Each structure stands twice: as C-alpha cells, then as structure tokens.
Amino acid sequence: MTQTLPPTLIDELRHVLGPEAVLVGDDISPRYRQDYFSPLPQASLGLVVVRPRDTGQLAAIMRLCHAHRQPVVTQGGMTGLSGGALPGDGELILSLERLRGIEEIDEAAGTMTVLAGTPLQQAQEAAAARGFLLAIDLGARGSCQVGGNVATNAGGNRVIRYGMTRGQVLGLEVVLADGTVLSSLNKMLKDNAGYDLKQLFIGSEGTLGVVTRVVLRLEPLPEAVQTALCAVDSYQQVVALLHHAQRRLSGRLSAFEVMWSDFYDAVTSRIPGQRPSLPPGSPFYVLLDLQGADAQTDAPLFERLLEQALADGLISDAVVARSVREAQSFWELRDSPGRFSMIWPQLASFDISLPIGAIGEFVERLRRRLTQALPGCEAVHFGHIGDSNLHVCVAVPGTSAETFPEHEIKDLVYDLLRDYRGSISAEHGVGRHKKDYLGHSRSPEEIAVMRSVKAALDPLGILNPGRVFD
C-alpha cells in the first residue's frame, strides 16, 4: 500500500520553496525512481520531490521533515550501484539537482569549493581550465554529482595515486536531520583542532547528514600522460608488474587496471564497435599509465619500464598509446561495463576488495563455485587491482527478471569473500542491495558503534532509512 505525505507538509514545503520546487504526481519524472542497475519501479503516487536551490532552503526542508517525522531520501545523479538513492514507500525525495555550481577556485591554496549537486565532470573541467587536476575520476563523471561522490566515498580510476574521495576532501558543509547547518569549509591540509567531523559524513551514504558544499583538494594538472595496454600470462605476473611499475615510476603510476580474459573476450567480441587493442587469448590484460610533467623524459622512461617487463617475462605483449585518441580507446575498453546490458539483460554486479595477493586465487575459487552451483552461467572479472578492488559480474543466460538467481549468486560471492576477510563494498557503498551482508565485513561491535553514531545525529531515523542497515 502506497503511503502518502501529509498534505500539511506539502503545503508548508511549497510555501518555503515555491511551487516550482515541489513536484507531485505526473510532474515527477521516471528518472527520480530509477538508478543505474534498477528496473523502473511501479508508479508511486505518494512520491513528492523537493529541489532546493541553496543551503538555507535545504535546512528549512529538514526542519519541516524533522517536525513531521518525515523520512527523506537524498538523490544526486542517480548513478549509484547499491540502490541507496531509490525512494522507498512514503519517503520524500530530496533532489540536489539545482544545488550546483563552482563557488571558488583558490589557486594559492590549491582548492575548489563546489555545491554538492555539481556534476563531477563540470568540476573537473573547471579545475583543468585553471591548470589543476581534480583527481576524483570515474566512468559516470558526466552524470554523477560531487555530493554523491562524497556520500559514497567514491573510488574510481586514480585511487592508486591519489586515494579515495576521502583523500580529496578538505572541508564540508552538511545539513543535519533537524536542519542544523554544520559548516567546516576548511582549506588547510593540516587541522588537528579537535575531532575531524567531516570524516563522519564521507562515505555515510546520506544516513547522517546531507552534504551541501565541498572543499576539494586540487593537484597540478599533468602535462604528459603515457598509457599502455599489456598482455600478461598469470596473476602472479600481474602483481609483479604492479610492483615493477611502482618502483620504476616513483609515485607517478596513476592507474593499474586489470581485465581477466573473460572480460576482455566478452567486451571485444560481443559489444558492437569495441575492437581489441591486443589480440585475444591472454589470461590477463593490464592498462597502466603515468601522469607526469615532461613527455620527452617520461616517454623513454615508460618505454624502458615496458621493455624491462618484457625481458623479465612479466608481460608477453604490449601496445603504447601514440595519441590521446588511442589512449581513450584503451579506457573505453576498460569502461565498457556501462554497456553490459547489451550482452546480459539480467546481471549481478559486485564491487569488492580483498588483499591484492589473494585476488587471483579468489577468482579461481569463485569460478568453480559458480560453475558447480549454476551450470552455464557467465562471469567476468576486472578492477582496480592496484588498490585491491575487484569487480565481478555474473549472468545466467536463459533467465528472466523473475527467475534470475540473484540472492543465490550473492550468497556464493559474499560467503567466499568472508573467508578472505574482504569488503563487500570497495567503492560503491552498501545502500539497500548489500546491507544484509554488512556482517560479512564488519564485526557486531563495529555495527553497534555505527548505530550509536546514527542515533546521535539522526535520533528519529528520517535520513535515508533502510540504507547501510535497518
């Protein structure tokens, strides 16, 4: 049964925000009810969408919702993979789509201050125009929002050099469940004056507060990038290549992406227009790049690295990008999971982490378990192995949305992962989809402390209820 919001609350929201900022009924686009991996839900007549333009309006919304004990779900670009932004029955949708813009780039401090609804790519381009790199980068850059990146502590392509989103955030402004505005827009790298409260909200998936402004750390914009795709014969050699590249490049290795043959073969043979940059048939393919300042010195260094790797038997083949377009083609190959729906209408996707040295063995054990339990299933493996992050996608041909064994697949993957003391979420959050498995990666004591923090900051439980844990 669909729950509806109290009419008095809707009237109060319209009074505070203006009627154009409060959407109901047919004015609500389907995009508010669908994220990247979720099918379009049935029509939810009880939904209401509010779209504040500034922190003051957002704080007023939360004060009203707190007074009415009204549950709220915060939405950004709807690119999440854990169901955290999908609205539940009777929840008010708080969309940050109009809370966007670059407020400041401080060149001396090397920081930029942005509103939470700003698309990541817009922030990246604004930084680049001033000669800076915003190191957060992921395939959904054109759609995802900075606030969502902070709320999920997004990872992406450059973690091996720059760290997760947490490492790029110097300051935050957050609205708490009762409408209190907590503003700590710090620009300094060093600030040990008491508790670092921003860390509570980074990665909390909107369950503790709503991020409204972010101060991001910027890096000098690289002037030269060297990119290569390598064929590798074993996982042990993959790890050896990683260490070889880290030693030779002295901190300038900015990506180390690994694709198992199942991934590479499926992408290059079954996705239209995706051509192989190296011949198929190798067990592994590694995309790596160097970000530097001088192509004349970096290019020979990069080539010597590859030549030595070939001489030492770490790689069996390699191709170096000779143009920006060729480098982009390597990345398009790695970013092709965005088109997996062209191959598999039903898919179980996993974002996990475990110690780098154990990943190869884990994949082999998982393959055997999947084959035994689900004959005929197809699985592909890839990820940011340089920062211990593995992605697994599993399909069962011939199944429909009703017959796809998603829960059985989840049990197989997460039960094995627990043996390795790995994480059920490396970079995409827990949301709704993984909360039943949180105990696989966190102890009862850790979860109890999480609940205590939630109760302290959101005693009525109105912020993103049912996400991370019930």
Foldseek 3Di string as FASTA:
>chain_A
DFDADPPVLLVVLCVLANPVQKDADPRDDQVQAAALADDRDDDRRREMEGEHQALQSVLVNLQSCVVVLQFEAEDELRHFDFQLRHDDGRYYYYYHLNLWDWDDQDVVLQKTKIWFNHQQVVVQVVQVVVQWGQLDDAPCSRRGTNQQQQQQQFAHFFCLQQNTQVSFFDWWWWQFNNSDIDGDADSDPDDPPDDPVSVVRGNNSFLQTGTTMTMTHIHGAFPDKKKKKFFFAALVLLVVLLVLCCVLQVSQWGGKKKWALLLLVCLQPPPPPQHDPDDRDGGMMIMIMGGHHDCVVVVVSVVVSVVVCCVVRSTVDMDIDPDPVSRVSVVCSVNVVSVCCSPAVDKAKFKKFFDLVCVRVLVVVLVVVCCVVQPQKGKIWMDRSSVRIIMMMIHRPPDDPVGTPRVVSVCSNLVSVLVRLMGRHDGRHNRQNNLVSRCSNDPPVRVVVVVVSSCVRPVSSNTSHNTNYD
